[in-house]
Amino acid sequence: MIFDKLKPIWQTEPSMELTKLARVSAPTLVLIADEDVVTIEHAAAMQRALPDAQLAVVPGTSHALPMEKPEVVNRLILDFLAPEQVPKMLG
């Protein structure tokens, strides 16, 4: 399966240095599945490196998150883009 061959690359090849993310001035939503090939730790590091970012982790999903839970993804994106932000869970 192609996924099995690509998984090691996806886990080790996020090629943008986190320090470069500090240049991003736009609000950013880092959206990840809890069973994604990209680790939650890496996504959290990206969120911390971005000046104005939010992190959303969707449980029970894989890298196919938008296809597995489209209604959840749509809600997260719409809430992120809303003029008034919906209160977030803090952890």
PDB file of N, CA and C in Angstrom:
ATOM      1  N   MET A   1       0.850  -1.181   0.000  1.00  0.00           N
ATOM      2  CA  MET A   1       0.000   0.000   0.000  1.00  0.00           C
ATOM      3  C   MET A   1       0.896   1.245   0.000  1.00  0.00           C
ATOM      4  N   ILE A   2       0.542   2.211  -0.802  1.00  0.00           N
ATOM      5  CA  ILE A   2       1.338   3.436  -0.933  1.00  0.00           C
ATOM      6  C   ILE A   2       1.449   4.183   0.394  1.00  0.00           C
ATOM      7  N   PHE A   3       0.390   4.144   1.193  1.00  0.00           N
ATOM      8  CA  PHE A   3       0.408   4.830   2.489  1.00  0.00           C
ATOM      9  C   PHE A   3       1.556   4.324   3.359  1.00  0.00           C
ATOM     10  N   ASP A   4       1.758   3.020   3.379  1.00  0.00           N
ATOM     11  CA  ASP A   4       2.826   2.435   4.194  1.00  0.00           C
ATOM     12  C   ASP A   4       4.202   2.920   3.744  1.00  0.00           C
ATOM     13  N   LYS A   5       4.367   3.153   2.447  1.00  0.00           N
ATOM     14  CA  LYS A   5       5.644   3.634   1.928  1.00  0.00           C
ATOM     15  C   LYS A   5       5.844   5.122   2.218  1.00  0.00           C
ATOM     16  N   LEU A   6       4.763   5.879   2.231  1.00  0.00           N
ATOM     17  CA  LEU A   6       4.864   7.323   2.445  1.00  0.00           C
ATOM     18  C   LEU A   6       4.905   7.712   3.918  1.00  0.00           C
ATOM     19  N   LYS A   7       4.379   6.872   4.786  1.00  0.00           N
ATOM     20  CA  LYS A   7       4.290   7.208   6.201  1.00  0.00           C
ATOM     21  C   LYS A   7       5.630   7.647   6.796  1.00  0.00           C
ATOM     22  N   PRO A   8       6.743   6.928   6.574  1.00  0.00           N
ATOM     23  CA  PRO A   8       8.019   7.391   7.147  1.00  0.00           C
ATOM     24  C   PRO A   8       8.425   8.771   6.636  1.00  0.00           C
ATOM     25  N   ILE A   9       8.105   9.059   5.387  1.00  0.00           N
ATOM     26  CA  ILE A   9       8.433  10.375   4.829  1.00  0.00           C
ATOM     27  C   ILE A   9       7.598  11.445   5.511  1.00  0.00           C
ATOM     28  N   TRP A  10       6.304  11.214   5.660  1.00  0.00           N
ATOM     29  CA  TRP A  10       5.418  12.199   6.286  1.00  0.00           C
ATOM     30  C   TRP A  10       5.827  12.459   7.734  1.00  0.00           C
ATOM     31  N   GLN A  11       6.336  11.448   8.406  1.00  0.00           N
ATOM     32  CA  GLN A  11       6.716  11.602   9.803  1.00  0.00           C
ATOM     33  C   GLN A  11       8.041  12.328   9.975  1.00  0.00           C
ATOM     34  N   THR A  12       8.901  12.289   8.969  1.00  0.00           N
ATOM     35  CA  THR A  12      10.233  12.864   9.127  1.00  0.00           C
ATOM     36  C   THR A  12      10.519  14.034   8.205  1.00  0.00           C
ATOM     37  N   GLU A  13       9.629  14.346   7.285  1.00  0.00           N
ATOM     38  CA  GLU A  13       9.921  15.349   6.278  1.00  0.00           C
ATOM     39  C   GLU A  13       9.169  16.672   6.394  1.00  0.00           C
ATOM     40  N   PRO A  14       8.529  16.989   7.501  1.00  0.00           N
ATOM     41  CA  PRO A  14       8.002  18.357   7.526  1.00  0.00           C
ATOM     42  C   PRO A  14       9.209  19.282   7.375  1.00  0.00           C
ATOM     43  N   SER A  15       9.427  19.776   6.163  1.00  0.00           N
ATOM     44  CA  SER A  15      10.699  20.412   5.840  1.00  0.00           C
ATOM     45  C   SER A  15      10.805  21.876   6.249  1.00  0.00           C
ATOM     46  N   MET A  16       9.711  22.520   6.570  1.00  0.00           N
ATOM     47  CA  MET A  16       9.808  23.921   6.978  1.00  0.00           C
ATOM     48  C   MET A  16      10.290  23.999   8.421  1.00  0.00           C
ATOM     49  N   GLU A  17      11.315  24.793   8.626  1.00  0.00           N
ATOM     50  CA  GLU A  17      11.815  24.984   9.988  1.00  0.00           C
ATOM     51  C   GLU A  17      10.770  25.744  10.794  1.00  0.00           C
ATOM     52  N   LEU A  18      10.559  25.308  12.021  1.00  0.00           N
ATOM     53  CA  LEU A  18       9.546  25.947  12.862  1.00  0.00           C
ATOM     54  C   LEU A  18       9.834  27.428  13.061  1.00  0.00           C
ATOM     55  N   THR A  19      11.089  27.817  13.094  1.00  0.00           N
ATOM     56  CA  THR A  19      11.429  29.231  13.288  1.00  0.00           C
ATOM     57  C   THR A  19      10.885  30.099  12.156  1.00  0.00           C
ATOM     58  N   LYS A  20      10.751  29.532  10.967  1.00  0.00           N
ATOM     59  CA  LYS A  20      10.213  30.292   9.831  1.00  0.00           C
ATOM     60  C   LYS A  20       8.722  30.571   9.980  1.00  0.00           C
ATOM     61  N   LEU A  21       8.040  29.764  10.780  1.00  0.00           N
ATOM     62  CA  LEU A  21       6.606  29.978  10.975  1.00  0.00           C
ATOM     63  C   LEU A  21       6.322  31.291  11.700  1.00  0.00           C
ATOM     64  N   ALA A  22       7.286  31.802  12.422  1.00  0.00           N
ATOM     65  CA  ALA A  22       7.099  33.068  13.141  1.00  0.00           C
ATOM     66  C   ALA A  22       6.817  34.218  12.179  1.00  0.00           C
ATOM     67  N   ARG A  23       7.159  34.057  10.913  1.00  0.00           N
ATOM     68  CA  ARG A  23       6.911  35.097   9.905  1.00  0.00           C
ATOM     69  C   ARG A  23       5.474  35.133   9.408  1.00  0.00           C
ATOM     70  N   VAL A  24       4.701  34.114   9.717  1.00  0.00           N
ATOM     71  CA  VAL A  24       3.316  34.051   9.253  1.00  0.00           C
ATOM     72  C   VAL A  24       2.489  35.020  10.081  1.00  0.00           C
ATOM     73  N   SER A  25       1.885  35.990   9.420  1.00  0.00           N
ATOM     74  CA  SER A  25       1.132  37.008  10.161  1.00  0.00           C
ATOM     75  C   SER A  25      -0.366  36.711  10.212  1.00  0.00           C
ATOM     76  N   ALA A  26      -0.840  35.805   9.390  1.00  0.00           N
ATOM     77  CA  ALA A  26      -2.271  35.499   9.346  1.00  0.00           C
ATOM     78  C   ALA A  26      -2.657  34.554  10.477  1.00  0.00           C
ATOM     79  N   PRO A  27      -3.847  34.732  11.034  1.00  0.00           N
ATOM     80  CA  PRO A  27      -4.348  33.741  11.989  1.00  0.00           C
ATOM     81  C   PRO A  27      -4.358  32.367  11.306  1.00  0.00           C
ATOM     82  N   THR A  28      -3.983  31.342  12.048  1.00  0.00           N
ATOM     83  CA  THR A  28      -3.818  30.013  11.456  1.00  0.00           C
ATOM     84  C   THR A  28      -4.478  28.959  12.321  1.00  0.00           C
ATOM     85  N   LEU A  29      -5.175  28.049  11.668  1.00  0.00           N
ATOM     86  CA  LEU A  29      -5.754  26.899  12.352  1.00  0.00           C
ATOM     87  C   LEU A  29      -4.908  25.685  12.003  1.00  0.00           C
ATOM     88  N   VAL A  30      -4.289  25.090  13.006  1.00  0.00           N
ATOM     89  CA  VAL A  30      -3.543  23.844  12.828  1.00  0.00           C
ATOM     90  C   VAL A  30      -4.526  22.730  13.190  1.00  0.00           C
ATOM     91  N   LEU A  31      -4.935  21.987  12.191  1.00  0.00           N
ATOM     92  CA  LEU A  31      -5.968  20.962  12.355  1.00  0.00           C
ATOM     93  C   LEU A  31      -5.349  19.600  12.112  1.00  0.00           C
ATOM     94  N   ILE A  32      -5.507  18.693  13.069  1.00  0.00           N
ATOM     95  CA  ILE A  32      -4.863  17.378  12.978  1.00  0.00           C
ATOM     96  C   ILE A  32      -5.775  16.310  13.575  1.00  0.00           C
ATOM     97  N   ALA A  33      -5.596  15.105  13.063  1.00  0.00           N
ATOM     98  CA  ALA A  33      -6.292  13.943  13.604  1.00  0.00           C
ATOM     99  C   ALA A  33      -5.432  13.331  14.706  1.00  0.00           C
ATOM    100  N   ASP A  34      -6.069  12.701  15.668  1.00  0.00           N
ATOM    101  CA  ASP A  34      -5.276  12.126  16.768  1.00  0.00           C
ATOM    102  C   ASP A  34      -4.524  10.867  16.348  1.00  0.00           C
ATOM    103  N   GLU A  35      -4.899  10.271  15.227  1.00  0.00           N
ATOM    104  CA  GLU A  35      -4.194   9.091  14.726  1.00  0.00           C
ATOM    105  C   GLU A  35      -3.539   9.399  13.384  1.00  0.00           C
ATOM    106  N   ASP A  36      -3.124  10.643  13.206  1.00  0.00           N
ATOM    107  CA  ASP A  36      -2.509  11.098  11.960  1.00  0.00           C
ATOM    108  C   ASP A  36      -1.065  10.614  11.882  1.00  0.00           C
ATOM    109  N   VAL A  37      -0.498  10.647  10.683  1.00  0.00           N
ATOM    110  CA  VAL A  37       0.906  10.292  10.542  1.00  0.00           C
ATOM    111  C   VAL A  37       1.798  11.410  11.068  1.00  0.00           C
ATOM    112  N   VAL A  38       1.323  12.626  11.033  1.00  0.00           N
ATOM    113  CA  VAL A  38       2.023  13.753  11.658  1.00  0.00           C
ATOM    114  C   VAL A  38       1.678  13.695  13.142  1.00  0.00           C
ATOM    115  N   THR A  39       2.659  13.819  14.001  1.00  0.00           N
ATOM    116  CA  THR A  39       2.392  13.666  15.434  1.00  0.00           C
ATOM    117  C   THR A  39       1.706  14.905  16.015  1.00  0.00           C
ATOM    118  N   ILE A  40       0.979  14.677  17.078  1.00  0.00           N
ATOM    119  CA  ILE A  40       0.337  15.780  17.789  1.00  0.00           C
ATOM    120  C   ILE A  40       1.410  16.702  18.354  1.00  0.00           C
ATOM    121  N   GLU A  41       2.512  16.141  18.778  1.00  0.00           N
ATOM    122  CA  GLU A  41       3.606  16.954  19.313  1.00  0.00           C
ATOM    123  C   GLU A  41       4.135  17.920  18.252  1.00  0.00           C
ATOM    124  N   HIS A  42       4.258  17.450  17.009  1.00  0.00           N
ATOM    125  CA  HIS A  42       4.730  18.327  15.931  1.00  0.00           C
ATOM    126  C   HIS A  42       3.698  19.414  15.637  1.00  0.00           C
ATOM    127  N   ALA A  43       2.429  19.033  15.609  1.00  0.00           N
ATOM    128  CA  ALA A  43       1.371  20.018  15.371  1.00  0.00           C
ATOM    129  C   ALA A  43       1.354  21.070  16.481  1.00  0.00           C
ATOM    130  N   ALA A  44       1.554  20.644  17.728  1.00  0.00           N
ATOM    131  CA  ALA A  44       1.596  21.585  18.851  1.00  0.00           C
ATOM    132  C   ALA A  44       2.803  22.508  18.736  1.00  0.00           C
ATOM    133  N   ALA A  45       3.929  21.975  18.282  1.00  0.00           N
ATOM    134  CA  ALA A  45       5.117  22.807  18.079  1.00  0.00           C
ATOM    135  C   ALA A  45       4.859  23.846  16.990  1.00  0.00           C
ATOM    136  N   MET A  46       4.154  23.445  15.942  1.00  0.00           N
ATOM    137  CA  MET A  46       3.792  24.390  14.884  1.00  0.00           C
ATOM    138  C   MET A  46       2.892  25.491  15.447  1.00  0.00           C
ATOM    139  N   GLN A  47       1.908  25.090  16.242  1.00  0.00           N
ATOM    140  CA  GLN A  47       0.983  26.064  16.828  1.00  0.00           C
ATOM    141  C   GLN A  47       1.727  27.053  17.713  1.00  0.00           C
ATOM    142  N   ARG A  48       2.676  26.576  18.495  1.00  0.00           N
ATOM    143  CA  ARG A  48       3.454  27.461  19.365  1.00  0.00           C
ATOM    144  C   ARG A  48       4.357  28.392  18.556  1.00  0.00           C
ATOM    145  N   ALA A  49       4.843  27.913  17.409  1.00  0.00           N
ATOM    146  CA  ALA A  49       5.750  28.717  16.580  1.00  0.00           C
ATOM    147  C   ALA A  49       5.017  29.810  15.807  1.00  0.00           C
ATOM    148  N   LEU A  50       3.754  29.604  15.541  1.00  0.00           N
ATOM    149  CA  LEU A  50       2.966  30.596  14.799  1.00  0.00           C
ATOM    150  C   LEU A  50       2.493  31.681  15.753  1.00  0.00           C
ATOM    151  N   PRO A  51       2.594  32.951  15.362  1.00  0.00           N
ATOM    152  CA  PRO A  51       2.224  34.039  16.266  1.00  0.00           C
ATOM    153  C   PRO A  51       0.749  34.058  16.677  1.00  0.00           C
ATOM    154  N   ASP A  52      -0.145  33.647  15.781  1.00  0.00           N
ATOM    155  CA  ASP A  52      -1.581  33.717  16.056  1.00  0.00           C
ATOM    156  C   ASP A  52      -2.230  32.437  15.556  1.00  0.00           C
ATOM    157  N   ALA A  53      -2.060  31.360  16.325  1.00  0.00           N
ATOM    158  CA  ALA A  53      -2.542  30.062  15.865  1.00  0.00           C
ATOM    159  C   ALA A  53      -3.374  29.363  16.924  1.00  0.00           C
ATOM    160  N   GLN A  54      -4.265  28.536  16.434  1.00  0.00           N
ATOM    161  CA  GLN A  54      -5.055  27.655  17.276  1.00  0.00           C
ATOM    162  C   GLN A  54      -4.796  26.228  16.819  1.00  0.00           C
ATOM    163  N   LEU A  55      -4.841  25.301  17.763  1.00  0.00           N
ATOM    164  CA  LEU A  55      -4.651  23.887  17.459  1.00  0.00           C
ATOM    165  C   LEU A  55      -5.947  23.150  17.748  1.00  0.00           C
ATOM    166  N   ALA A  56      -6.389  22.353  16.777  1.00  0.00           N
ATOM    167  CA  ALA A  56      -7.560  21.504  16.963  1.00  0.00           C
ATOM    168  C   ALA A  56      -7.149  20.068  16.662  1.00  0.00           C
ATOM    169  N   VAL A  57      -7.369  19.178  17.621  1.00  0.00           N
ATOM    170  CA  VAL A  57      -7.071  17.757  17.459  1.00  0.00           C
ATOM    171  C   VAL A  57      -8.411  17.017  17.493  1.00  0.00           C
ATOM    172  N   VAL A  58      -8.696  16.283  16.419  1.00  0.00           N
ATOM    173  CA  VAL A  58      -9.974  15.569  16.319  1.00  0.00           C
ATOM    174  C   VAL A  58      -9.739  14.107  16.680  1.00  0.00           C
ATOM    175  N   PRO A  59     -10.382  13.634  17.754  1.00  0.00           N
ATOM    176  CA  PRO A  59     -10.179  12.251  18.187  1.00  0.00           C
ATOM    177  C   PRO A  59     -10.837  11.237  17.254  1.00  0.00           C
ATOM    178  N   GLY A  60     -10.244  10.054  17.228  1.00  0.00           N
ATOM    179  CA  GLY A  60     -10.821   8.944  16.478  1.00  0.00           C
ATOM    180  C   GLY A  60     -10.735   9.099  14.972  1.00  0.00           C
ATOM    181  N   THR A  61      -9.710   9.818  14.493  1.00  0.00           N
ATOM    182  CA  THR A  61      -9.581  10.038  13.059  1.00  0.00           C
ATOM    183  C   THR A  61      -8.130   9.837  12.618  1.00  0.00           C
ATOM    184  N   SER A  62      -7.962   9.661  11.301  1.00  0.00           N
ATOM    185  CA  SER A  62      -6.640   9.455  10.724  1.00  0.00           C
ATOM    186  C   SER A  62      -6.305  10.625   9.805  1.00  0.00           C
ATOM    187  N   HIS A  63      -5.324  10.435   8.924  1.00  0.00           N
ATOM    188  CA  HIS A  63      -4.920  11.481   7.983  1.00  0.00           C
ATOM    189  C   HIS A  63      -6.058  11.828   7.018  1.00  0.00           C
ATOM    190  N   ALA A  64      -7.071  10.969   6.937  1.00  0.00           N
ATOM    191  CA  ALA A  64      -8.241  11.218   6.088  1.00  0.00           C
ATOM    192  C   ALA A  64      -9.320  11.978   6.858  1.00  0.00           C
ATOM    193  N   LEU A  65      -8.916  12.731   7.835  1.00  0.00           N
ATOM    194  CA  LEU A  65      -9.826  13.468   8.718  1.00  0.00           C
ATOM    195  C   LEU A  65     -10.982  14.162   7.988  1.00  0.00           C
ATOM    196  N   PRO A  66     -10.742  14.949   6.931  1.00  0.00           N
ATOM    197  CA  PRO A  66     -11.868  15.635   6.285  1.00  0.00           C
ATOM    198  C   PRO A  66     -12.912  14.687   5.705  1.00  0.00           C
ATOM    199  N   MET A  67     -12.492  13.495   5.316  1.00  0.00           N
ATOM    200  CA  MET A  67     -13.447  12.525   4.778  1.00  0.00           C
ATOM    201  C   MET A  67     -14.107  11.714   5.893  1.00  0.00           C
ATOM    202  N   GLU A  68     -13.392  11.522   6.992  1.00  0.00           N
ATOM    203  CA  GLU A  68     -13.922  10.718   8.092  1.00  0.00           C
ATOM    204  C   GLU A  68     -14.943  11.483   8.927  1.00  0.00           C
ATOM    205  N   LYS A  69     -14.676  12.753   9.168  1.00  0.00           N
ATOM    206  CA  LYS A  69     -15.582  13.567   9.987  1.00  0.00           C
ATOM    207  C   LYS A  69     -15.757  14.949   9.362  1.00  0.00           C
ATOM    208  N   PRO A  70     -16.375  14.993   8.167  1.00  0.00           N
ATOM    209  CA  PRO A  70     -16.490  16.277   7.472  1.00  0.00           C
ATOM    210  C   PRO A  70     -17.275  17.327   8.258  1.00  0.00           C
ATOM    211  N   GLU A  71     -18.282  16.892   8.991  1.00  0.00           N
ATOM    212  CA  GLU A  71     -19.080  17.874   9.739  1.00  0.00           C
ATOM    213  C   GLU A  71     -18.264  18.505  10.872  1.00  0.00           C
ATOM    214  N   VAL A  72     -17.398  17.730  11.489  1.00  0.00           N
ATOM    215  CA  VAL A  72     -16.542  18.265  12.549  1.00  0.00           C
ATOM    216  C   VAL A  72     -15.523  19.232  11.951  1.00  0.00           C
ATOM    217  N   VAL A  73     -14.897  18.833  10.843  1.00  0.00           N
ATOM    218  CA  VAL A  73     -13.923  19.697  10.178  1.00  0.00           C
ATOM    219  C   VAL A  73     -14.580  20.998   9.743  1.00  0.00           C
ATOM    220  N   ASN A  74     -15.754  20.905   9.129  1.00  0.00           N
ATOM    221  CA  ASN A  74     -16.462  22.114   8.696  1.00  0.00           C
ATOM    222  C   ASN A  74     -16.763  23.027   9.878  1.00  0.00           C
ATOM    223  N   ARG A  75     -17.216  22.462  10.984  1.00  0.00           N
ATOM    224  CA  ARG A  75     -17.560  23.272  12.159  1.00  0.00           C
ATOM    225  C   ARG A  75     -16.312  23.953  12.717  1.00  0.00           C
ATOM    226  N   LEU A  76     -15.211  23.222  12.802  1.00  0.00           N
ATOM    227  CA  LEU A  76     -13.974  23.811  13.316  1.00  0.00           C
ATOM    228  C   LEU A  76     -13.503  24.961  12.428  1.00  0.00           C
ATOM    229  N   ILE A  77     -13.567  24.770  11.127  1.00  0.00           N
ATOM    230  CA  ILE A  77     -13.130  25.824  10.200  1.00  0.00           C
ATOM    231  C   ILE A  77     -14.072  27.024  10.268  1.00  0.00           C
ATOM    232  N   LEU A  78     -15.377  26.779  10.263  1.00  0.00           N
ATOM    233  CA  LEU A  78     -16.329  27.889  10.343  1.00  0.00           C
ATOM    234  C   LEU A  78     -16.182  28.657  11.654  1.00  0.00           C
ATOM    235  N   ASP A  79     -15.988  27.937  12.756  1.00  0.00           N
ATOM    236  CA  ASP A  79     -15.782  28.609  14.044  1.00  0.00           C
ATOM    237  C   ASP A  79     -14.500  29.430  14.030  1.00  0.00           C
ATOM    238  N   PHE A  80     -13.462  28.900  13.414  1.00  0.00           N
ATOM    239  CA  PHE A  80     -12.187  29.612  13.328  1.00  0.00           C
ATOM    240  C   PHE A  80     -12.333  30.888  12.498  1.00  0.00           C
ATOM    241  N   LEU A  81     -13.111  30.830  11.435  1.00  0.00           N
ATOM    242  CA  LEU A  81     -13.285  31.975  10.539  1.00  0.00           C
ATOM    243  C   LEU A  81     -14.357  32.967  11.005  1.00  0.00           C
ATOM    244  N   ALA A  82     -15.110  32.607  12.017  1.00  0.00           N
ATOM    245  CA  ALA A  82     -16.203  33.460  12.493  1.00  0.00           C
ATOM    246  C   ALA A  82     -15.668  34.787  13.023  1.00  0.00           C
ATOM    247  N   PRO A  83     -16.424  35.865  12.815  1.00  0.00           N
ATOM    248  CA  PRO A  83     -15.994  37.175  13.314  1.00  0.00           C
ATOM    249  C   PRO A  83     -15.796  37.185  14.833  1.00  0.00           C
ATOM    250  N   GLU A  84     -16.667  36.482  15.544  1.00  0.00           N
ATOM    251  CA  GLU A  84     -16.521  36.345  16.992  1.00  0.00           C
ATOM    252  C   GLU A  84     -16.140  34.903  17.271  1.00  0.00           C
ATOM    253  N   GLN A  85     -15.029  34.724  17.950  1.00  0.00           N
ATOM    254  CA  GLN A  85     -14.528  33.385  18.214  1.00  0.00           C
ATOM    255  C   GLN A  85     -15.386  32.653  19.243  1.00  0.00           C
ATOM    256  N   VAL A  86     -15.608  31.389  18.972  1.00  0.00           N
ATOM    257  CA  VAL A  86     -16.308  30.499  19.892  1.00  0.00           C
ATOM    258  C   VAL A  86     -15.324  30.157  21.013  1.00  0.00           C
ATOM    259  N   PRO A  87     -15.781  30.162  22.280  1.00  0.00           N
ATOM    260  CA  PRO A  87     -14.864  29.790  23.365  1.00  0.00           C
ATOM    261  C   PRO A  87     -14.260  28.411  23.117  1.00  0.00           C
ATOM    262  N   LYS A  88     -12.979  28.279  23.414  1.00  0.00           N
ATOM    263  CA  LYS A  88     -12.234  27.048  23.171  1.00  0.00           C
ATOM    264  C   LYS A  88     -11.986  26.301  24.477  1.00  0.00           C
ATOM    265  N   MET A  89     -11.817  24.992  24.343  1.00  0.00           N
ATOM    266  CA  MET A  89     -11.392  24.204  25.496  1.00  0.00           C
ATOM    267  C   MET A  89      -9.933  24.494  25.747  1.00  0.00           C
ATOM    268  N   LEU A  90      -9.579  24.660  26.969  1.00  0.00           N
ATOM    269  CA  LEU A  90      -8.177  24.880  27.319  1.00  0.00           C
ATOM    270  C   LEU A  90      -7.659  23.633  27.998  1.00  0.00           C
ATOM    271  N   GLY A  91      -6.448  23.255  27.658  1.00  0.00           N
ATOM    272  CA  GLY A  91      -5.921  22.035  28.242  1.00  0.00           C
ATOM    273  C   GLY A  91      -4.557  22.199  28.792  1.00  0.00           C
TER     274      GLY A  91
END
